[in-house]
Amino acid sequence: MSDQWLTSLLTDDPQTGYELAIKLSRMGVKYTQPSDDVRKKLRPVYEQDADSLIASSQVIATNFQTVAQANNFWQK
């Protein structure tokens, strides 16, 4: 994947930071499984699995911690 989409971890506020954390998580999946067809085939499986959803939330939370630290927890 050669498209540069991540230019900074800095965001204006926590909401935007959380949205960036979600984007980081989704892009991680896309890099791991680059086939749109395979991802679409797998989605019905994991969207009905509580453990998979919890694991996804954990990845987002970890990414949000990274973004929050990069933004010095939005303290001015």
N, C-alpha and C. Protein backbone atom coordinates (compact mmCIF):
# COMPACT_ATOMS: atom_id res chain seq x y z
N MET A 1 0.85 -1.17 0.00
CA MET A 1 0.00 0.00 0.00
C MET A 1 0.90 1.24 0.00
N SER A 2 0.74 2.07 -0.98
CA SER A 2 1.67 3.19 -1.11
C SER A 2 1.05 4.55 -0.84
N ASP A 3 -0.26 4.61 -0.66
CA ASP A 3 -0.91 5.89 -0.40
C ASP A 3 -0.58 6.36 1.01
N GLN A 4 -0.03 7.57 1.10
CA GLN A 4 0.25 8.12 2.43
C GLN A 4 -1.00 8.83 2.92
N TRP A 5 -1.57 8.32 3.98
CA TRP A 5 -2.80 8.90 4.53
C TRP A 5 -2.58 9.45 5.93
N LEU A 6 -1.53 9.01 6.60
CA LEU A 6 -1.28 9.46 7.97
C LEU A 6 -0.14 10.47 7.96
N THR A 7 -0.51 11.73 8.12
CA THR A 7 0.51 12.78 8.09
C THR A 7 0.84 13.30 9.48
N SER A 8 -0.03 13.03 10.44
CA SER A 8 0.19 13.50 11.80
C SER A 8 -0.74 12.79 12.76
N LEU A 9 -0.31 12.66 14.00
CA LEU A 9 -1.18 12.16 15.06
C LEU A 9 -1.83 13.31 15.82
N LEU A 10 -1.48 14.52 15.49
CA LEU A 10 -2.02 15.69 16.19
C LEU A 10 -3.44 15.96 15.73
N THR A 11 -4.33 16.18 16.70
CA THR A 11 -5.72 16.50 16.42
C THR A 11 -6.15 17.68 17.28
N ASP A 12 -7.25 18.30 16.91
CA ASP A 12 -7.72 19.49 17.63
C ASP A 12 -8.38 19.18 18.96
N ASP A 13 -8.98 17.99 19.07
CA ASP A 13 -9.73 17.68 20.27
C ASP A 13 -9.86 16.17 20.43
N PRO A 14 -10.32 15.72 21.60
CA PRO A 14 -10.43 14.28 21.83
C PRO A 14 -11.36 13.56 20.85
N GLN A 15 -12.46 14.17 20.46
CA GLN A 15 -13.38 13.51 19.51
C GLN A 15 -12.66 13.20 18.20
N THR A 16 -11.95 14.18 17.68
CA THR A 16 -11.20 13.97 16.44
C THR A 16 -10.09 12.94 16.66
N GLY A 17 -9.51 12.95 17.84
CA GLY A 17 -8.49 11.96 18.17
C GLY A 17 -9.07 10.55 18.19
N TYR A 18 -10.26 10.42 18.73
CA TYR A 18 -10.91 9.10 18.76
C TYR A 18 -11.22 8.62 17.35
N GLU A 19 -11.69 9.53 16.51
CA GLU A 19 -11.96 9.17 15.12
C GLU A 19 -10.68 8.75 14.40
N LEU A 20 -9.57 9.40 14.72
CA LEU A 20 -8.28 9.00 14.16
C LEU A 20 -7.90 7.61 14.66
N ALA A 21 -8.16 7.32 15.91
CA ALA A 21 -7.86 5.99 16.46
C ALA A 21 -8.65 4.91 15.73
N ILE A 22 -9.89 5.19 15.41
CA ILE A 22 -10.70 4.24 14.64
C ILE A 22 -10.11 4.06 13.25
N LYS A 23 -9.71 5.16 12.62
CA LYS A 23 -9.09 5.10 11.30
C LYS A 23 -7.80 4.27 11.34
N LEU A 24 -6.98 4.48 12.36
CA LEU A 24 -5.75 3.70 12.51
C LEU A 24 -6.08 2.21 12.59
N SER A 25 -7.10 1.89 13.36
CA SER A 25 -7.49 0.49 13.54
C SER A 25 -7.98 -0.12 12.24
N ARG A 26 -8.80 0.62 11.52
CA ARG A 26 -9.33 0.12 10.25
C ARG A 26 -8.23 -0.04 9.21
N MET A 27 -7.32 0.90 9.20
CA MET A 27 -6.21 0.80 8.24
C MET A 27 -5.30 -0.37 8.58
N GLY A 28 -5.16 -0.68 9.86
CA GLY A 28 -4.38 -1.85 10.26
C GLY A 28 -4.96 -3.13 9.67
N VAL A 29 -6.28 -3.23 9.69
CA VAL A 29 -6.94 -4.39 9.10
C VAL A 29 -6.72 -4.40 7.59
N LYS A 30 -6.84 -3.23 6.99
CA LYS A 30 -6.68 -3.13 5.53
C LYS A 30 -5.26 -3.51 5.10
N TYR A 31 -4.27 -3.12 5.87
CA TYR A 31 -2.89 -3.49 5.55
C TYR A 31 -2.68 -4.99 5.75
N THR A 32 -3.29 -5.54 6.79
CA THR A 32 -3.14 -6.97 7.08
C THR A 32 -3.86 -7.83 6.05
N GLN A 33 -5.05 -7.40 5.64
CA GLN A 33 -5.82 -8.12 4.62
C GLN A 33 -6.20 -7.14 3.52
N PRO A 34 -5.34 -6.98 2.50
CA PRO A 34 -5.58 -5.97 1.48
C PRO A 34 -6.75 -6.27 0.53
N SER A 35 -7.26 -7.49 0.53
CA SER A 35 -8.34 -7.84 -0.38
C SER A 35 -9.70 -7.35 0.13
N ASP A 36 -10.32 -6.45 -0.61
CA ASP A 36 -11.67 -5.98 -0.25
C ASP A 36 -12.65 -7.15 -0.21
N ASP A 37 -12.52 -8.06 -1.17
CA ASP A 37 -13.44 -9.20 -1.23
C ASP A 37 -13.34 -10.08 0.01
N VAL A 38 -12.14 -10.34 0.46
CA VAL A 38 -11.96 -11.18 1.65
C VAL A 38 -12.51 -10.47 2.87
N ARG A 39 -12.22 -9.16 3.00
CA ARG A 39 -12.74 -8.41 4.16
C ARG A 39 -14.26 -8.41 4.17
N LYS A 40 -14.88 -8.24 3.01
CA LYS A 40 -16.34 -8.24 2.93
C LYS A 40 -16.91 -9.62 3.28
N LYS A 41 -16.20 -10.67 2.90
CA LYS A 41 -16.65 -12.03 3.20
C LYS A 41 -16.54 -12.31 4.71
N LEU A 42 -15.51 -11.79 5.35
CA LEU A 42 -15.29 -12.05 6.77
C LEU A 42 -16.16 -11.19 7.68
N ARG A 43 -16.57 -10.04 7.21
CA ARG A 43 -17.31 -9.10 8.07
C ARG A 43 -18.54 -9.71 8.72
N PRO A 44 -19.39 -10.46 7.99
CA PRO A 44 -20.57 -11.05 8.66
C PRO A 44 -20.20 -12.01 9.79
N VAL A 45 -19.03 -12.61 9.72
CA VAL A 45 -18.60 -13.53 10.76
C VAL A 45 -18.26 -12.77 12.03
N TYR A 46 -17.40 -11.75 11.93
CA TYR A 46 -16.95 -11.08 13.15
C TYR A 46 -17.94 -10.05 13.67
N GLU A 47 -18.85 -9.56 12.83
CA GLU A 47 -19.82 -8.58 13.35
C GLU A 47 -20.86 -9.21 14.26
N GLN A 48 -20.95 -10.53 14.25
CA GLN A 48 -21.88 -11.26 15.12
C GLN A 48 -21.18 -11.94 16.29
N ASP A 49 -19.87 -11.71 16.43
CA ASP A 49 -19.08 -12.39 17.45
C ASP A 49 -18.65 -11.38 18.52
N ALA A 50 -19.17 -11.56 19.73
CA ALA A 50 -18.88 -10.62 20.81
C ALA A 50 -17.38 -10.53 21.10
N ASP A 51 -16.67 -11.64 21.08
CA ASP A 51 -15.24 -11.61 21.35
C ASP A 51 -14.49 -10.80 20.30
N SER A 52 -14.88 -10.93 19.05
CA SER A 52 -14.24 -10.15 17.98
C SER A 52 -14.52 -8.66 18.16
N LEU A 53 -15.74 -8.32 18.54
CA LEU A 53 -16.08 -6.92 18.74
C LEU A 53 -15.32 -6.32 19.92
N ILE A 54 -15.19 -7.10 20.99
CA ILE A 54 -14.41 -6.64 22.15
C ILE A 54 -12.95 -6.46 21.76
N ALA A 55 -12.40 -7.39 20.99
CA ALA A 55 -11.02 -7.27 20.53
C ALA A 55 -10.83 -6.02 19.68
N SER A 56 -11.80 -5.72 18.83
CA SER A 56 -11.74 -4.51 18.01
C SER A 56 -11.74 -3.26 18.89
N SER A 57 -12.58 -3.28 19.92
CA SER A 57 -12.63 -2.14 20.85
C SER A 57 -11.31 -1.97 21.57
N GLN A 58 -10.65 -3.06 21.91
CA GLN A 58 -9.35 -2.98 22.58
C GLN A 58 -8.29 -2.36 21.67
N VAL A 59 -8.31 -2.72 20.40
CA VAL A 59 -7.36 -2.14 19.44
C VAL A 59 -7.62 -0.65 19.30
N ILE A 60 -8.87 -0.26 19.20
CA ILE A 60 -9.20 1.17 19.11
C ILE A 60 -8.75 1.90 20.36
N ALA A 61 -8.97 1.31 21.52
CA ALA A 61 -8.55 1.94 22.78
C ALA A 61 -7.04 2.12 22.83
N THR A 62 -6.30 1.13 22.38
CA THR A 62 -4.84 1.24 22.36
C THR A 62 -4.41 2.35 21.41
N ASN A 63 -5.03 2.42 20.25
CA ASN A 63 -4.70 3.49 19.31
C ASN A 63 -5.09 4.86 19.86
N PHE A 64 -6.21 4.91 20.59
CA PHE A 64 -6.61 6.19 21.19
C PHE A 64 -5.60 6.64 22.24
N GLN A 65 -5.06 5.70 23.01
CA GLN A 65 -4.02 6.06 23.98
C GLN A 65 -2.82 6.68 23.27
N THR A 66 -2.44 6.10 22.15
CA THR A 66 -1.30 6.62 21.38
C THR A 66 -1.58 8.03 20.90
N VAL A 67 -2.77 8.25 20.34
CA VAL A 67 -3.13 9.57 19.83
C VAL A 67 -3.21 10.57 20.98
N ALA A 68 -3.80 10.17 22.09
CA ALA A 68 -3.92 11.07 23.24
C ALA A 68 -2.55 11.48 23.76
N GLN A 69 -1.63 10.54 23.84
CA GLN A 69 -0.28 10.88 24.30
C GLN A 69 0.42 11.81 23.32
N ALA A 70 0.23 11.56 22.03
CA ALA A 70 0.85 12.43 21.03
C ALA A 70 0.32 13.86 21.13
N ASN A 71 -0.90 13.99 21.61
CA ASN A 71 -1.52 15.31 21.75
C ASN A 71 -1.40 15.84 23.17
N ASN A 72 -0.51 15.24 23.94
CA ASN A 72 -0.33 15.65 25.34
C ASN A 72 -1.68 15.75 26.05
N PHE A 73 -2.54 14.77 25.72
CA PHE A 73 -3.87 14.68 26.31
C PHE A 73 -4.67 15.99 26.17
N TRP A 74 -4.42 16.72 25.09
CA TRP A 74 -5.14 17.93 24.73
C TRP A 74 -5.05 19.02 25.78
N GLN A 75 -3.99 18.99 26.57
CA GLN A 75 -3.76 20.07 27.54
C GLN A 75 -2.98 21.17 26.86
N LYS A 76 -3.38 22.37 27.13
CA LYS A 76 -2.70 23.52 26.50
C LYS A 76 -1.81 24.20 27.49
